[in-house]
C-alpha cells in the first residue's frame, strides 16, 4: 500500500545533541542517515529511514531568512 506524503525537514540548533539523537533513534526508532562536524561551527546529524531515501530526486531545499534550511518532499510513500 502507498499514500501521497508531504514531508519536510527542519534543522535547528541544540545544546543537547546526544539527547536529541537518543530521542529520535531509540525513542522513535529512526536511524542516523548522515552526520557532519564543524560545518559553519555546527555539528549535526540527519535522522530518518535509511531504507527509503525519500529526499533523493523528490525534494527541494530552501533557506529561510535566518539561514536555516527546509527540505520539502512530495511523492508516494510506500508503507512497509
C-alpha atoms as a PDB file:
ATOM      1  CA  UNK A   1       0.000   0.000   0.000  1.00  0.00           C
ATOM      2  CA  UNK A   2       1.182   3.556  -0.599  1.00  0.00           C
ATOM      3  CA  UNK A   3      -0.112   7.043   0.024  1.00  0.00           C
ATOM      4  CA  UNK A   4       0.747  10.550  -1.079  1.00  0.00           C
ATOM      5  CA  UNK A   5       3.046  12.100   1.502  1.00  0.00           C
ATOM      6  CA  UNK A   6       4.415  15.552   2.052  1.00  0.00           C
ATOM      7  CA  UNK A   7       7.388  15.675   4.349  1.00  0.00           C
ATOM      8  CA  UNK A   8       9.694  18.414   5.472  1.00  0.00           C
ATOM      9  CA  UNK A   9      12.899  18.623   7.395  1.00  0.00           C
ATOM     10  CA  UNK A  10      13.738  21.240   9.975  1.00  0.00           C
ATOM     11  CA  UNK A  11      17.291  21.975  11.017  1.00  0.00           C
ATOM     12  CA  UNK A  12      17.700  23.657  14.363  1.00  0.00           C
ATOM     13  CA  UNK A  13      20.446  24.276  16.875  1.00  0.00           C
ATOM     14  CA  UNK A  14      20.620  22.393  20.166  1.00  0.00           C
ATOM     15  CA  UNK A  15      22.895  22.272  23.153  1.00  0.00           C
ATOM     16  CA  UNK A  16      21.806  18.656  23.778  1.00  0.00           C
ATOM     17  CA  UNK A  17      22.795  16.855  20.569  1.00  0.00           C
ATOM     18  CA  UNK A  18      23.349  13.471  22.222  1.00  0.00           C
ATOM     19  CA  UNK A  19      19.946  13.586  23.953  1.00  0.00           C
ATOM     20  CA  UNK A  20      18.244  14.624  20.708  1.00  0.00           C
ATOM     21  CA  UNK A  21      19.935  11.750  18.854  1.00  0.00           C
ATOM     22  CA  UNK A  22      18.820   9.306  21.556  1.00  0.00           C
ATOM     23  CA  UNK A  23      15.232  10.608  21.428  1.00  0.00           C
ATOM     24  CA  UNK A  24      14.880  10.195  17.667  1.00  0.00           C
ATOM     25  CA  UNK A  25      16.875   6.971  17.328  1.00  0.00           C
ATOM     26  CA  UNK A  26      15.952   4.998  20.446  1.00  0.00           C
ATOM     27  CA  UNK A  27      12.665   6.715  21.237  1.00  0.00           C
ATOM     28  CA  UNK A  28      11.225   6.871  17.721  1.00  0.00           C
ATOM     29  CA  UNK A  29      13.211   4.044  16.113  1.00  0.00           C
ATOM     30  CA  UNK A  30      14.809   6.142  13.370  1.00  0.00           C
ATOM     31  CA  UNK A  31      18.382   5.756  12.134  1.00  0.00           C
ATOM     32  CA  UNK A  32      21.258   8.169  11.624  1.00  0.00           C
ATOM     33  CA  UNK A  33      21.498   8.580   7.850  1.00  0.00           C
ATOM     34  CA  UNK A  34      24.245  11.199   7.828  1.00  0.00           C
ATOM     35  CA  UNK A  35      26.314  13.420  10.039  1.00  0.00           C
ATOM     36  CA  UNK A  36      28.627  16.410   9.862  1.00  0.00           C
ATOM     37  CA  UNK A  37      31.161  18.098  12.102  1.00  0.00           C
ATOM     38  CA  UNK A  38      32.203  21.749  12.358  1.00  0.00           C
ATOM     39  CA  UNK A  39      30.108  22.884   9.387  1.00  0.00           C
ATOM     40  CA  UNK A  40      29.902  26.649   9.866  1.00  0.00           C
ATOM     41  CA  UNK A  41      30.573  25.989  13.548  1.00  0.00           C
ATOM     42  CA  UNK A  42      27.922  23.271  13.930  1.00  0.00           C
ATOM     43  CA  UNK A  43      27.939  19.511  14.400  1.00  0.00           C
ATOM     44  CA  UNK A  44      24.800  17.656  13.387  1.00  0.00           C
ATOM     45  CA  UNK A  45      23.034  14.531  12.249  1.00  0.00           C
ATOM     46  CA  UNK A  46      20.350  13.641   9.734  1.00  0.00           C
ATOM     47  CA  UNK A  47      17.921  11.080  11.113  1.00  0.00           C
ATOM     48  CA  UNK A  48      15.359   9.121   9.117  1.00  0.00           C
ATOM     49  CA  UNK A  49      14.763   5.808   7.373  1.00  0.00           C
ATOM     50  CA  UNK A  50      17.929   4.518   5.645  1.00  0.00           C
ATOM     51  CA  UNK A  51      15.899   2.137   3.547  1.00  0.00           C
ATOM     52  CA  UNK A  52      13.752   4.853   1.977  1.00  0.00           C
ATOM     53  CA  UNK A  53      15.816   7.850   0.848  1.00  0.00           C
ATOM     54  CA  UNK A  54      12.763   9.998   0.064  1.00  0.00           C
ATOM     55  CA  UNK A  55      14.877  13.118  -0.304  1.00  0.00           C
ATOM     56  CA  UNK A  56      16.708  11.848  -3.410  1.00  0.00           C
ATOM     57  CA  UNK A  57      15.189  13.175  -6.645  1.00  0.00           C
ATOM     58  CA  UNK A  58      11.900  14.154  -4.981  1.00  0.00           C
ATOM     59  CA  UNK A  59      12.759  17.125  -2.818  1.00  0.00           C
ATOM     60  CA  UNK A  60      13.762  20.763  -2.920  1.00  0.00           C
ATOM     61  CA  UNK A  61      15.684  22.747  -0.336  1.00  0.00           C
ATOM     62  CA  UNK A  62      15.033  26.358   0.635  1.00  0.00           C
ATOM     63  CA  UNK A  63      16.892  28.629   3.010  1.00  0.00           C
ATOM     64  CA  UNK A  64      14.739  30.781   5.299  1.00  0.00           C
ATOM     65  CA  UNK A  65      15.538  34.417   6.176  1.00  0.00           C
ATOM     66  CA  UNK A  66      17.581  33.290   9.202  1.00  0.00           C
ATOM     67  CA  UNK A  67      19.700  30.959   7.072  1.00  0.00           C
ATOM     68  CA  UNK A  68      18.090  27.686   8.229  1.00  0.00           C
ATOM     69  CA  UNK A  69      17.260  25.167   5.538  1.00  0.00           C
ATOM     70  CA  UNK A  70      13.929  23.465   4.943  1.00  0.00           C
ATOM     71  CA  UNK A  71      13.645  20.384   2.714  1.00  0.00           C
ATOM     72  CA  UNK A  72      10.226  19.762   1.156  1.00  0.00           C
ATOM     73  CA  UNK A  73       9.235  16.400  -0.301  1.00  0.00           C
ATOM     74  CA  UNK A  74       6.139  15.429  -2.273  1.00  0.00           C
ATOM     75  CA  UNK A  75       5.594  11.938  -3.617  1.00  0.00           C
ATOM     76  CA  UNK A  76       4.271   8.477  -2.918  1.00  0.00           C
ATOM     77  CA  UNK A  77       5.412   6.852   0.298  1.00  0.00           C
ATOM     78  CA  UNK A  78       5.188   3.076   0.490  1.00  0.00           C
ATOM     79  CA  UNK A  79       4.130   1.509   3.771  1.00  0.00           C
ATOM     80  CA  UNK A  80       6.352  -1.422   4.696  1.00  0.00           C
END
